[in-house]
Amino acid sequence: MWVAIGLVAFLVGGAAMAGVMLLRDGNGDGADKNAKADAKANAPASSASPAAPGPAAPDSPSPAASGSAATPPAGQPPKGYMRMTSPEGFSLAVPEVWHRENKGSGQIDYAGSTGPGHLRIGIVPSGGTASYDHFLEMEKVVSRQEGYQRLQMTRNTFRGRPGALWEWTWKEKNGEVMHALNQAYVDEAGTEYAIMFAERERLYPDARNVFDTALTFWWVGPYDFD
């Protein structure tokens, strides 16, 4: 009953976001948020996204170890980043010039106005499936992308909960090699969250800071940022 998000887009030539998030097979209950909630969550967008985001916080852990303790993230995002709070109940840090877009079906994107680089948050009921097993199923679709190469897929702990990290590359029709990372986990209530980042391979490793910073400041639930 689970399929990879963007399957249709992938089959007709979709780009970075094809097949990398989570979607329950069905009518997407609760996916569409009203425009008022989106407007409140959106930050003003700049006319261009940065060529290379600012450096991540010096003490940022690696994604595999990020948030091993279920405590709110301390401190402020590094220079060039801002906190974003979503009406869906999560918060994270993204580059200051990025804006939010509700894609529906439990998908929320954060991206600049130029270039393919983006963060995508997926929120779905887990249905009792572990994130690692879910990734294995999704990979059956994603691996059809031209030049697909799995770099890693590992079980881990994220925010004190069982999760998994998936990293891979593929080639777009224009010849651009893309690089993606996806951290997923299932919370105490049985909801699965996935934090995915995709960007052009040629911008790595600097672009990786966006993913690391998002994970460092990820939190679900009430939190006083002050």
N, C-alpha and C. Protein backbone atom coordinates (compact mmCIF):
# COMPACT_ATOMS: atom_id res chain seq x y z
N MET A 1 0.81 -1.21 0.00
CA MET A 1 0.00 0.00 0.00
C MET A 1 0.85 1.26 0.00
N TRP A 2 2.15 1.11 -0.05
CA TRP A 2 3.04 2.28 -0.06
C TRP A 2 3.71 2.39 -1.43
N VAL A 3 3.78 3.62 -1.92
CA VAL A 3 4.46 3.86 -3.19
C VAL A 3 5.40 5.04 -3.03
N ALA A 4 6.34 5.18 -3.95
CA ALA A 4 7.26 6.32 -3.91
C ALA A 4 6.60 7.54 -4.49
N ILE A 5 6.76 8.66 -3.80
CA ILE A 5 6.18 9.91 -4.30
C ILE A 5 6.88 10.29 -5.58
N GLY A 6 6.13 10.83 -6.50
CA GLY A 6 6.72 11.25 -7.76
C GLY A 6 6.89 10.12 -8.75
N LEU A 7 6.26 9.00 -8.51
CA LEU A 7 6.40 7.87 -9.42
C LEU A 7 5.96 8.25 -10.82
N VAL A 8 4.80 8.89 -10.93
CA VAL A 8 4.32 9.30 -12.24
C VAL A 8 5.28 10.29 -12.88
N ALA A 9 5.73 11.28 -12.07
CA ALA A 9 6.66 12.27 -12.60
C ALA A 9 7.94 11.61 -13.07
N PHE A 10 8.39 10.63 -12.31
CA PHE A 10 9.62 9.93 -12.69
C PHE A 10 9.46 9.23 -14.03
N LEU A 11 8.33 8.57 -14.22
CA LEU A 11 8.13 7.81 -15.44
C LEU A 11 8.01 8.70 -16.67
N VAL A 12 7.66 9.99 -16.44
CA VAL A 12 7.56 10.89 -17.58
C VAL A 12 8.72 11.88 -17.60
N GLY A 13 9.76 11.60 -16.85
CA GLY A 13 10.96 12.43 -16.91
C GLY A 13 11.08 13.46 -15.82
N GLY A 14 10.46 13.21 -14.65
CA GLY A 14 10.58 14.14 -13.53
C GLY A 14 12.01 14.24 -13.06
N ALA A 15 12.33 15.32 -12.34
CA ALA A 15 13.71 15.60 -11.96
C ALA A 15 13.99 15.22 -10.52
N ALA A 16 14.67 16.11 -9.80
CA ALA A 16 15.27 15.79 -8.51
C ALA A 16 14.33 15.15 -7.51
N MET A 17 13.08 15.61 -7.47
CA MET A 17 12.18 15.13 -6.44
C MET A 17 11.53 13.80 -6.76
N ALA A 18 11.77 13.26 -7.94
CA ALA A 18 11.05 12.04 -8.35
C ALA A 18 11.40 10.85 -7.49
N GLY A 19 10.37 10.26 -6.89
CA GLY A 19 10.54 8.98 -6.21
C GLY A 19 11.32 9.00 -4.92
N VAL A 20 11.43 10.16 -4.23
CA VAL A 20 12.31 10.15 -3.07
C VAL A 20 11.60 10.43 -1.75
N MET A 21 10.31 10.67 -1.80
CA MET A 21 9.63 10.92 -0.56
C MET A 21 8.64 9.81 -0.25
N LEU A 22 7.65 10.08 0.56
CA LEU A 22 6.76 9.06 1.05
C LEU A 22 5.33 9.42 0.72
N LEU A 23 4.55 8.43 0.30
CA LEU A 23 3.15 8.68 0.02
C LEU A 23 2.35 7.43 0.29
N ARG A 24 1.28 7.56 1.03
CA ARG A 24 0.40 6.41 1.26
C ARG A 24 -0.53 6.28 0.08
N ASP A 25 -0.70 5.07 -0.41
CA ASP A 25 -1.61 4.82 -1.52
C ASP A 25 -3.03 5.07 -1.04
N GLY A 26 -3.67 6.08 -1.58
CA GLY A 26 -5.01 6.42 -1.14
C GLY A 26 -5.34 7.83 -1.56
N ASN A 27 -6.20 8.49 -0.79
CA ASN A 27 -6.67 9.81 -1.21
C ASN A 27 -5.93 10.95 -0.56
N GLY A 28 -4.85 10.65 0.20
CA GLY A 28 -4.04 11.72 0.78
C GLY A 28 -4.77 12.50 1.85
N ASP A 29 -5.51 11.84 2.72
CA ASP A 29 -6.26 12.51 3.77
C ASP A 29 -5.36 13.42 4.57
N GLY A 30 -5.82 14.64 4.79
CA GLY A 30 -5.08 15.58 5.62
C GLY A 30 -3.92 16.22 4.91
N ALA A 31 -3.77 16.02 3.62
CA ALA A 31 -2.60 16.53 2.91
C ALA A 31 -2.71 18.00 2.62
N ASP A 32 -3.91 18.48 2.26
CA ASP A 32 -4.06 19.86 1.82
C ASP A 32 -4.31 20.77 3.01
N LYS A 33 -3.41 21.72 3.22
CA LYS A 33 -3.55 22.71 4.27
C LYS A 33 -4.14 23.96 3.65
N ASN A 34 -4.88 24.74 4.44
CA ASN A 34 -5.51 25.91 3.85
C ASN A 34 -4.49 26.99 3.58
N ALA A 35 -4.89 27.91 2.71
CA ALA A 35 -3.96 28.95 2.25
C ALA A 35 -3.52 29.85 3.38
N LYS A 36 -4.39 30.06 4.37
CA LYS A 36 -4.02 30.91 5.49
C LYS A 36 -2.87 30.32 6.27
N ALA A 37 -2.91 29.03 6.50
CA ALA A 37 -1.83 28.36 7.23
C ALA A 37 -0.54 28.43 6.46
N ASP A 38 -0.60 28.24 5.14
CA ASP A 38 0.60 28.31 4.32
C ASP A 38 1.19 29.71 4.34
N ALA A 39 0.34 30.71 4.23
CA ALA A 39 0.84 32.08 4.20
C ALA A 39 1.55 32.43 5.49
N LYS A 40 1.03 31.93 6.62
CA LYS A 40 1.66 32.19 7.90
C LYS A 40 3.03 31.55 7.98
N ALA A 41 3.16 30.36 7.37
CA ALA A 41 4.42 29.63 7.46
C ALA A 41 5.45 30.11 6.47
N ASN A 42 5.01 30.73 5.37
CA ASN A 42 5.95 31.13 4.32
C ASN A 42 6.83 32.28 4.78
N ALA A 43 8.11 32.23 4.42
CA ALA A 43 9.02 33.34 4.64
C ALA A 43 9.20 34.04 3.31
N PRO A 44 9.47 35.36 3.27
CA PRO A 44 9.67 36.07 2.01
C PRO A 44 10.79 35.44 1.21
N ALA A 45 10.56 35.29 -0.09
CA ALA A 45 11.57 34.68 -0.96
C ALA A 45 12.42 35.75 -1.60
N SER A 46 13.70 35.48 -1.72
CA SER A 46 14.60 36.38 -2.41
C SER A 46 14.51 36.14 -3.89
N SER A 47 15.10 37.00 -4.70
CA SER A 47 15.05 36.86 -6.15
C SER A 47 15.97 35.77 -6.64
N ALA A 48 16.87 35.30 -5.81
CA ALA A 48 17.78 34.25 -6.24
C ALA A 48 18.23 33.44 -5.04
N SER A 49 18.51 32.17 -5.25
CA SER A 49 19.04 31.33 -4.18
C SER A 49 20.54 31.41 -4.19
N PRO A 50 21.21 31.18 -3.04
CA PRO A 50 22.66 31.31 -3.00
C PRO A 50 23.35 30.22 -3.79
N ALA A 51 24.47 30.55 -4.38
CA ALA A 51 25.23 29.56 -5.14
C ALA A 51 25.75 28.48 -4.20
N ALA A 52 26.14 28.90 -3.01
CA ALA A 52 26.59 27.93 -2.01
C ALA A 52 26.13 28.42 -0.66
N PRO A 53 25.26 27.69 0.06
CA PRO A 53 24.77 28.12 1.36
C PRO A 53 25.91 28.32 2.35
N GLY A 54 25.64 29.14 3.37
CA GLY A 54 26.64 29.40 4.38
C GLY A 54 27.01 28.16 5.14
N PRO A 55 28.09 28.20 5.89
CA PRO A 55 28.56 27.01 6.61
C PRO A 55 27.61 26.57 7.69
N ALA A 56 27.55 25.29 7.92
CA ALA A 56 26.72 24.77 8.99
C ALA A 56 27.36 25.08 10.33
N ALA A 57 26.56 24.92 11.39
CA ALA A 57 27.09 25.17 12.72
C ALA A 57 28.30 24.29 12.96
N PRO A 58 29.35 24.83 13.62
CA PRO A 58 30.58 24.07 13.83
C PRO A 58 30.38 22.73 14.51
N ASP A 59 29.37 22.65 15.41
CA ASP A 59 29.18 21.40 16.14
C ASP A 59 28.08 20.54 15.54
N SER A 60 27.71 20.79 14.28
CA SER A 60 26.65 20.01 13.66
C SER A 60 27.07 18.55 13.55
N PRO A 61 26.24 17.63 14.04
CA PRO A 61 26.59 16.20 13.93
C PRO A 61 26.32 15.71 12.52
N SER A 62 26.85 14.54 12.21
CA SER A 62 26.56 13.94 10.92
C SER A 62 25.12 13.49 10.91
N PRO A 63 24.48 13.40 9.71
CA PRO A 63 23.08 12.98 9.66
C PRO A 63 22.84 11.64 10.32
N ALA A 64 23.79 10.71 10.22
CA ALA A 64 23.59 9.38 10.80
C ALA A 64 23.45 9.44 12.32
N ALA A 65 24.08 10.44 12.95
CA ALA A 65 24.05 10.52 14.41
C ALA A 65 23.17 11.65 14.91
N SER A 66 22.64 12.47 13.99
CA SER A 66 21.92 13.67 14.38
C SER A 66 20.73 13.36 15.26
N GLY A 67 20.60 14.13 16.34
CA GLY A 67 19.43 14.01 17.19
C GLY A 67 19.28 12.67 17.86
N SER A 68 20.39 12.07 18.31
CA SER A 68 20.29 10.78 18.97
C SER A 68 19.52 10.89 20.28
N ALA A 69 19.47 12.09 20.88
CA ALA A 69 18.69 12.31 22.09
C ALA A 69 17.44 13.08 21.72
N ALA A 70 16.30 12.69 22.32
CA ALA A 70 15.03 13.33 22.01
C ALA A 70 14.87 14.61 22.80
N THR A 71 15.72 15.59 22.54
CA THR A 71 15.65 16.90 23.19
C THR A 71 15.65 17.97 22.11
N PRO A 72 15.00 19.10 22.37
CA PRO A 72 14.95 20.17 21.37
C PRO A 72 16.36 20.66 21.01
N PRO A 73 16.58 21.09 19.79
CA PRO A 73 17.89 21.60 19.39
C PRO A 73 18.20 22.90 20.11
N ALA A 74 19.43 23.03 20.56
CA ALA A 74 19.84 24.23 21.29
C ALA A 74 20.55 25.20 20.36
N GLY A 75 20.58 26.47 20.76
CA GLY A 75 21.32 27.46 20.00
C GLY A 75 20.55 27.99 18.81
N GLN A 76 21.22 28.83 18.04
CA GLN A 76 20.63 29.47 16.88
C GLN A 76 21.25 28.92 15.59
N PRO A 77 20.52 28.96 14.48
CA PRO A 77 21.08 28.50 13.21
C PRO A 77 22.30 29.34 12.83
N PRO A 78 23.20 28.78 12.03
CA PRO A 78 24.38 29.53 11.61
C PRO A 78 24.00 30.70 10.71
N LYS A 79 24.93 31.59 10.48
CA LYS A 79 24.71 32.75 9.63
C LYS A 79 24.24 32.31 8.25
N GLY A 80 23.23 33.00 7.75
CA GLY A 80 22.69 32.66 6.44
C GLY A 80 21.51 31.72 6.48
N TYR A 81 21.14 31.25 7.70
CA TYR A 81 20.02 30.34 7.86
C TYR A 81 18.97 30.95 8.79
N MET A 82 17.74 30.47 8.69
CA MET A 82 16.65 30.92 9.55
C MET A 82 15.80 29.72 9.94
N ARG A 83 15.12 29.85 11.07
CA ARG A 83 14.18 28.81 11.49
C ARG A 83 12.86 28.98 10.72
N MET A 84 12.27 27.86 10.36
CA MET A 84 10.95 27.87 9.74
C MET A 84 10.07 26.94 10.57
N THR A 85 8.89 27.44 10.96
CA THR A 85 7.93 26.64 11.71
C THR A 85 6.74 26.35 10.81
N SER A 86 6.37 25.09 10.72
CA SER A 86 5.30 24.67 9.81
C SER A 86 4.00 24.45 10.57
N PRO A 87 2.86 24.74 9.97
CA PRO A 87 1.58 24.46 10.63
C PRO A 87 1.37 22.96 10.84
N GLU A 88 2.15 22.13 10.16
CA GLU A 88 2.08 20.69 10.38
C GLU A 88 2.74 20.27 11.69
N GLY A 89 3.41 21.20 12.38
CA GLY A 89 3.94 20.91 13.70
C GLY A 89 5.43 20.69 13.80
N PHE A 90 6.17 20.84 12.69
CA PHE A 90 7.61 20.67 12.75
C PHE A 90 8.32 22.00 12.51
N SER A 91 9.59 22.04 12.89
CA SER A 91 10.42 23.21 12.63
C SER A 91 11.80 22.73 12.20
N LEU A 92 12.50 23.58 11.46
CA LEU A 92 13.84 23.27 10.98
C LEU A 92 14.50 24.57 10.58
N ALA A 93 15.76 24.50 10.15
CA ALA A 93 16.48 25.69 9.68
C ALA A 93 16.79 25.50 8.20
N VAL A 94 16.56 26.58 7.43
CA VAL A 94 16.81 26.56 5.99
C VAL A 94 17.54 27.85 5.61
N PRO A 95 18.17 27.90 4.41
CA PRO A 95 18.80 29.14 3.97
C PRO A 95 17.80 30.30 3.98
N GLU A 96 18.27 31.48 4.34
CA GLU A 96 17.39 32.64 4.53
C GLU A 96 16.58 33.00 3.30
N VAL A 97 17.10 32.77 2.11
CA VAL A 97 16.39 33.17 0.90
C VAL A 97 15.43 32.11 0.40
N TRP A 98 15.31 31.01 1.12
CA TRP A 98 14.41 29.95 0.68
C TRP A 98 12.99 30.20 1.19
N HIS A 99 12.02 29.65 0.48
CA HIS A 99 10.62 29.81 0.86
C HIS A 99 9.93 28.45 0.89
N ARG A 100 8.79 28.43 1.50
CA ARG A 100 8.00 27.20 1.69
C ARG A 100 6.92 27.08 0.62
N GLU A 101 6.66 25.82 0.21
CA GLU A 101 5.55 25.55 -0.69
C GLU A 101 4.91 24.22 -0.29
N ASN A 102 3.61 24.25 -0.04
CA ASN A 102 2.88 23.03 0.29
C ASN A 102 2.57 22.31 -1.02
N LYS A 103 3.14 21.13 -1.22
CA LYS A 103 2.95 20.38 -2.45
C LYS A 103 1.74 19.45 -2.39
N GLY A 104 1.10 19.35 -1.22
CA GLY A 104 -0.02 18.45 -1.05
C GLY A 104 0.44 17.03 -0.73
N SER A 105 -0.49 16.18 -0.34
CA SER A 105 -0.21 14.78 -0.01
C SER A 105 0.89 14.62 1.03
N GLY A 106 0.92 15.54 2.00
CA GLY A 106 1.89 15.43 3.08
C GLY A 106 3.29 15.81 2.69
N GLN A 107 3.46 16.62 1.64
CA GLN A 107 4.79 17.05 1.19
C GLN A 107 4.91 18.56 1.31
N ILE A 108 6.00 19.02 1.92
CA ILE A 108 6.28 20.44 2.04
C ILE A 108 7.69 20.68 1.52
N ASP A 109 7.84 21.60 0.59
CA ASP A 109 9.15 21.92 0.02
C ASP A 109 9.68 23.23 0.57
N TYR A 110 11.00 23.31 0.69
CA TYR A 110 11.70 24.55 0.98
C TYR A 110 12.78 24.69 -0.08
N ALA A 111 12.75 25.82 -0.79
CA ALA A 111 13.70 25.99 -1.90
C ALA A 111 13.87 27.46 -2.24
N GLY A 112 14.93 27.76 -2.98
CA GLY A 112 15.14 29.10 -3.50
C GLY A 112 14.36 29.26 -4.79
N SER A 113 14.51 30.43 -5.42
CA SER A 113 13.75 30.69 -6.64
C SER A 113 14.51 30.29 -7.90
N THR A 114 15.76 29.89 -7.76
CA THR A 114 16.53 29.44 -8.92
C THR A 114 17.23 28.13 -8.58
N GLY A 115 17.47 27.31 -9.59
CA GLY A 115 18.19 26.05 -9.38
C GLY A 115 17.30 24.96 -8.83
N PRO A 116 17.72 23.71 -8.96
CA PRO A 116 16.91 22.58 -8.52
C PRO A 116 17.07 22.21 -7.05
N GLY A 117 18.03 22.79 -6.34
CA GLY A 117 18.27 22.42 -4.95
C GLY A 117 17.05 22.68 -4.08
N HIS A 118 16.67 21.70 -3.25
CA HIS A 118 15.51 21.87 -2.38
C HIS A 118 15.52 20.84 -1.26
N LEU A 119 14.82 21.18 -0.19
CA LEU A 119 14.49 20.26 0.88
C LEU A 119 13.04 19.87 0.71
N ARG A 120 12.71 18.61 0.92
CA ARG A 120 11.32 18.17 0.89
C ARG A 120 11.04 17.37 2.14
N ILE A 121 9.98 17.78 2.85
CA ILE A 121 9.55 17.09 4.06
C ILE A 121 8.33 16.24 3.70
N GLY A 122 8.39 14.96 4.05
CA GLY A 122 7.26 14.07 3.84
C GLY A 122 6.71 13.60 5.17
N ILE A 123 5.38 13.58 5.30
CA ILE A 123 4.73 13.19 6.55
C ILE A 123 3.61 12.20 6.21
N VAL A 124 3.72 10.98 6.72
CA VAL A 124 2.70 9.97 6.45
C VAL A 124 2.58 9.00 7.62
N PRO A 125 1.45 8.32 7.78
CA PRO A 125 1.36 7.23 8.75
C PRO A 125 2.30 6.11 8.32
N SER A 126 3.03 5.53 9.24
CA SER A 126 4.02 4.52 8.87
C SER A 126 3.40 3.18 8.49
N GLY A 127 2.22 2.90 8.99
CA GLY A 127 1.59 1.61 8.71
C GLY A 127 2.36 0.44 9.30
N GLY A 128 3.23 0.72 10.28
CA GLY A 128 4.01 -0.33 10.92
C GLY A 128 5.27 -0.70 10.17
N THR A 129 5.57 0.00 9.08
CA THR A 129 6.77 -0.29 8.29
C THR A 129 7.95 0.52 8.79
N ALA A 130 9.08 -0.11 9.03
CA ALA A 130 10.29 0.59 9.44
C ALA A 130 10.80 1.44 8.29
N SER A 131 11.44 2.56 8.60
CA SER A 131 11.94 3.46 7.56
C SER A 131 12.92 2.76 6.62
N TYR A 132 13.78 1.92 7.16
CA TYR A 132 14.75 1.22 6.33
C TYR A 132 14.04 0.32 5.31
N ASP A 133 13.04 -0.43 5.76
CA ASP A 133 12.29 -1.30 4.86
C ASP A 133 11.51 -0.49 3.83
N HIS A 134 11.00 0.66 4.27
CA HIS A 134 10.28 1.55 3.36
C HIS A 134 11.23 2.04 2.26
N PHE A 135 12.44 2.41 2.64
CA PHE A 135 13.43 2.85 1.65
C PHE A 135 13.73 1.74 0.64
N LEU A 136 13.86 0.52 1.11
CA LEU A 136 14.14 -0.58 0.20
C LEU A 136 13.04 -0.72 -0.85
N GLU A 137 11.79 -0.54 -0.43
CA GLU A 137 10.68 -0.61 -1.38
C GLU A 137 10.73 0.56 -2.36
N MET A 138 10.99 1.76 -1.85
CA MET A 138 11.06 2.94 -2.69
C MET A 138 12.20 2.86 -3.70
N GLU A 139 13.30 2.21 -3.28
CA GLU A 139 14.46 2.13 -4.15
C GLU A 139 14.15 1.35 -5.43
N LYS A 140 13.18 0.45 -5.37
CA LYS A 140 12.82 -0.31 -6.56
C LYS A 140 12.34 0.62 -7.68
N VAL A 141 11.75 1.75 -7.29
CA VAL A 141 11.30 2.74 -8.27
C VAL A 141 12.43 3.72 -8.60
N VAL A 142 13.05 4.26 -7.54
CA VAL A 142 14.08 5.28 -7.73
C VAL A 142 15.26 4.75 -8.54
N SER A 143 15.57 3.47 -8.41
CA SER A 143 16.72 2.90 -9.11
C SER A 143 16.53 2.87 -10.63
N ARG A 144 15.33 3.18 -11.10
CA ARG A 144 15.10 3.25 -12.54
C ARG A 144 15.62 4.55 -13.13
N GLN A 145 15.96 5.50 -12.28
CA GLN A 145 16.54 6.75 -12.77
C GLN A 145 17.86 6.46 -13.48
N GLU A 146 18.12 7.20 -14.54
CA GLU A 146 19.36 7.00 -15.29
C GLU A 146 20.57 7.22 -14.40
N GLY A 147 21.51 6.29 -14.46
CA GLY A 147 22.75 6.43 -13.70
C GLY A 147 22.59 6.30 -12.21
N TYR A 148 21.46 5.74 -11.75
CA TYR A 148 21.26 5.62 -10.30
C TYR A 148 22.42 4.87 -9.65
N GLN A 149 22.90 5.42 -8.53
CA GLN A 149 23.94 4.76 -7.75
C GLN A 149 23.66 4.96 -6.27
N ARG A 150 23.47 3.87 -5.55
CA ARG A 150 23.29 3.99 -4.11
C ARG A 150 24.65 4.22 -3.47
N LEU A 151 24.74 5.29 -2.66
CA LEU A 151 25.97 5.59 -1.94
C LEU A 151 25.93 4.99 -0.54
N GLN A 152 24.76 5.01 0.06
CA GLN A 152 24.58 4.35 1.36
C GLN A 152 23.10 4.22 1.66
N MET A 153 22.77 3.21 2.44
CA MET A 153 21.45 3.06 3.02
C MET A 153 21.67 2.32 4.34
N THR A 154 21.47 3.03 5.43
CA THR A 154 21.79 2.49 6.74
C THR A 154 20.67 2.76 7.74
N ARG A 155 20.49 1.82 8.67
CA ARG A 155 19.60 2.06 9.79
C ARG A 155 20.30 3.01 10.76
N ASN A 156 19.55 3.87 11.42
CA ASN A 156 20.14 4.76 12.41
C ASN A 156 19.10 5.17 13.43
N THR A 157 19.50 6.06 14.33
CA THR A 157 18.59 6.63 15.32
C THR A 157 18.55 8.13 15.10
N PHE A 158 17.35 8.67 14.98
CA PHE A 158 17.21 10.11 14.76
C PHE A 158 16.19 10.66 15.74
N ARG A 159 16.57 11.70 16.48
CA ARG A 159 15.72 12.27 17.52
C ARG A 159 15.19 11.19 18.47
N GLY A 160 16.08 10.25 18.78
CA GLY A 160 15.75 9.21 19.73
C GLY A 160 14.84 8.12 19.21
N ARG A 161 14.60 8.09 17.91
CA ARG A 161 13.69 7.13 17.33
C ARG A 161 14.37 6.33 16.22
N PRO A 162 13.94 5.08 15.96
CA PRO A 162 14.52 4.28 14.89
C PRO A 162 14.29 4.96 13.54
N GLY A 163 15.35 5.03 12.74
CA GLY A 163 15.25 5.67 11.44
C GLY A 163 16.18 5.04 10.43
N ALA A 164 16.38 5.73 9.33
CA ALA A 164 17.27 5.25 8.28
C ALA A 164 17.74 6.44 7.45
N LEU A 165 18.95 6.30 6.92
CA LEU A 165 19.54 7.32 6.06
C LEU A 165 19.83 6.69 4.70
N TRP A 166 19.43 7.37 3.65
CA TRP A 166 19.61 6.89 2.27
C TRP A 166 20.29 8.00 1.48
N GLU A 167 21.34 7.65 0.76
CA GLU A 167 22.07 8.62 -0.07
C GLU A 167 22.30 8.01 -1.44
N TRP A 168 22.07 8.81 -2.50
CA TRP A 168 22.24 8.27 -3.85
C TRP A 168 22.47 9.40 -4.86
N THR A 169 22.89 9.01 -6.06
CA THR A 169 23.06 9.96 -7.16
C THR A 169 22.37 9.40 -8.40
N TRP A 170 22.09 10.28 -9.34
CA TRP A 170 21.53 9.89 -10.63
C TRP A 170 21.80 11.00 -11.65
N LYS A 171 21.48 10.74 -12.90
CA LYS A 171 21.75 11.72 -13.95
C LYS A 171 20.44 12.20 -14.57
N GLU A 172 20.32 13.51 -14.71
CA GLU A 172 19.16 14.10 -15.36
C GLU A 172 19.31 14.04 -16.88
N LYS A 173 18.22 14.33 -17.61
CA LYS A 173 18.25 14.29 -19.06
C LYS A 173 19.24 15.28 -19.66
N ASN A 174 19.46 16.39 -18.94
CA ASN A 174 20.41 17.40 -19.44
C ASN A 174 21.86 17.04 -19.13
N GLY A 175 22.08 15.86 -18.55
CA GLY A 175 23.43 15.41 -18.24
C GLY A 175 23.91 15.78 -16.85
N GLU A 176 23.11 16.60 -16.13
CA GLU A 176 23.50 17.03 -14.78
C GLU A 176 23.38 15.86 -13.81
N VAL A 177 24.45 15.62 -13.05
CA VAL A 177 24.41 14.58 -12.03
C VAL A 177 23.84 15.20 -10.75
N MET A 178 22.83 14.54 -10.19
CA MET A 178 22.17 15.01 -8.99
C MET A 178 22.55 14.12 -7.81
N HIS A 179 22.47 14.70 -6.62
CA HIS A 179 22.87 14.02 -5.39
C HIS A 179 21.76 14.23 -4.36
N ALA A 180 21.31 13.15 -3.74
CA ALA A 180 20.22 13.27 -2.77
C ALA A 180 20.54 12.52 -1.48
N LEU A 181 19.99 13.04 -0.37
CA LEU A 181 20.06 12.38 0.93
C LEU A 181 18.67 12.41 1.54
N ASN A 182 18.30 11.37 2.23
CA ASN A 182 16.97 11.27 2.82
C ASN A 182 17.09 10.63 4.20
N GLN A 183 16.72 11.39 5.23
CA GLN A 183 16.67 10.88 6.59
C GLN A 183 15.21 10.69 6.97
N ALA A 184 14.84 9.47 7.35
CA ALA A 184 13.47 9.20 7.75
C ALA A 184 13.46 8.54 9.13
N TYR A 185 12.34 8.69 9.83
CA TYR A 185 12.16 8.03 11.12
C TYR A 185 10.67 7.99 11.44
N VAL A 186 10.30 7.11 12.36
CA VAL A 186 8.91 6.97 12.79
C VAL A 186 8.81 7.43 14.23
N ASP A 187 7.90 8.37 14.51
CA ASP A 187 7.79 8.89 15.87
C ASP A 187 6.93 7.98 16.75
N GLU A 188 6.74 8.39 18.00
CA GLU A 188 6.03 7.57 18.98
C GLU A 188 4.58 7.32 18.58
N ALA A 189 4.00 8.24 17.82
CA ALA A 189 2.61 8.12 17.42
C ALA A 189 2.43 7.29 16.15
N GLY A 190 3.54 6.83 15.56
CA GLY A 190 3.45 6.04 14.35
C GLY A 190 3.46 6.85 13.08
N THR A 191 3.82 8.11 13.17
CA THR A 191 3.94 8.96 11.99
C THR A 191 5.36 8.91 11.46
N GLU A 192 5.50 8.73 10.16
CA GLU A 192 6.83 8.72 9.56
C GLU A 192 7.13 10.09 8.96
N TYR A 193 8.31 10.61 9.30
CA TYR A 193 8.81 11.86 8.74
C TYR A 193 10.04 11.56 7.89
N ALA A 194 10.14 12.21 6.76
CA ALA A 194 11.32 12.09 5.91
C ALA A 194 11.81 13.48 5.57
N ILE A 195 13.10 13.72 5.77
CA ILE A 195 13.72 15.00 5.44
C ILE A 195 14.69 14.72 4.30
N MET A 196 14.33 15.13 3.10
CA MET A 196 15.12 14.83 1.91
C MET A 196 15.73 16.11 1.33
N PHE A 197 16.98 16.01 0.90
CA PHE A 197 17.65 17.13 0.24
C PHE A 197 18.23 16.64 -1.07
N ALA A 198 18.02 17.41 -2.13
CA ALA A 198 18.58 17.08 -3.44
C ALA A 198 19.22 18.33 -4.04
N GLU A 199 20.39 18.15 -4.65
CA GLU A 199 21.12 19.26 -5.27
C GLU A 199 22.07 18.71 -6.31
N ARG A 200 22.60 19.58 -7.13
CA ARG A 200 23.56 19.17 -8.16
C ARG A 200 24.85 18.67 -7.52
N GLU A 201 25.33 17.56 -8.04
CA GLU A 201 26.54 16.94 -7.51
C GLU A 201 27.72 17.89 -7.52
N ARG A 202 27.82 18.74 -8.52
CA ARG A 202 28.96 19.64 -8.63
C ARG A 202 29.01 20.68 -7.51
N LEU A 203 27.93 20.84 -6.77
CA LEU A 203 27.92 21.79 -5.66
C LEU A 203 28.28 21.14 -4.33
N TYR A 204 28.49 19.83 -4.35
CA TYR A 204 28.95 19.14 -3.14
C TYR A 204 30.45 19.33 -2.99
N PRO A 205 30.98 19.33 -1.77
CA PRO A 205 30.29 19.05 -0.50
C PRO A 205 29.63 20.26 0.15
N ASP A 206 29.84 21.48 -0.40
CA ASP A 206 29.29 22.67 0.24
C ASP A 206 27.78 22.60 0.41
N ALA A 207 27.08 22.10 -0.61
CA ALA A 207 25.62 22.06 -0.54
C ALA A 207 25.14 21.13 0.57
N ARG A 208 25.95 20.20 0.97
CA ARG A 208 25.58 19.25 2.03
C ARG A 208 25.24 19.98 3.33
N ASN A 209 25.77 21.19 3.50
CA ASN A 209 25.50 21.95 4.71
C ASN A 209 24.00 22.19 4.91
N VAL A 210 23.25 22.32 3.81
CA VAL A 210 21.81 22.56 3.92
C VAL A 210 21.14 21.38 4.62
N PHE A 211 21.48 20.18 4.22
CA PHE A 211 20.91 18.97 4.81
C PHE A 211 21.33 18.84 6.27
N ASP A 212 22.62 18.98 6.53
CA ASP A 212 23.11 18.84 7.90
C ASP A 212 22.46 19.85 8.84
N THR A 213 22.31 21.10 8.38
CA THR A 213 21.72 22.14 9.22
C THR A 213 20.24 21.87 9.45
N ALA A 214 19.54 21.42 8.42
CA ALA A 214 18.12 21.09 8.58
C ALA A 214 17.94 20.01 9.64
N LEU A 215 18.80 18.99 9.63
CA LEU A 215 18.68 17.91 10.61
C LEU A 215 19.05 18.39 12.01
N THR A 216 20.08 19.21 12.10
CA THR A 216 20.52 19.71 13.40
C THR A 216 19.41 20.47 14.12
N PHE A 217 18.61 21.22 13.36
CA PHE A 217 17.57 22.06 13.96
C PHE A 217 16.16 21.51 13.77
N TRP A 218 16.06 20.24 13.39
CA TRP A 218 14.75 19.62 13.22
C TRP A 218 14.10 19.33 14.56
N TRP A 219 12.81 19.63 14.66
CA TRP A 219 12.07 19.32 15.86
C TRP A 219 10.59 19.21 15.51
N VAL A 220 9.89 18.30 16.19
CA VAL A 220 8.45 18.16 16.02
C VAL A 220 7.81 18.39 17.36
N GLY A 221 6.85 19.34 17.40
CA GLY A 221 6.16 19.65 18.65
C GLY A 221 6.45 21.06 19.12
N PRO A 222 5.81 21.49 20.20
CA PRO A 222 6.01 22.83 20.74
C PRO A 222 7.47 23.05 21.14
N TYR A 223 7.97 24.24 20.88
CA TYR A 223 9.35 24.54 21.24
C TYR A 223 9.55 26.04 21.26
N ASP A 224 10.07 26.55 22.38
CA ASP A 224 10.35 27.97 22.54
C ASP A 224 11.74 28.26 21.97
N PHE A 225 11.80 28.88 20.80
CA PHE A 225 13.08 29.13 20.13
C PHE A 225 13.93 30.15 20.87
N ASP A 226 13.34 30.91 21.76
CA ASP A 226 14.11 31.91 22.50
C ASP A 226 14.92 31.25 23.61
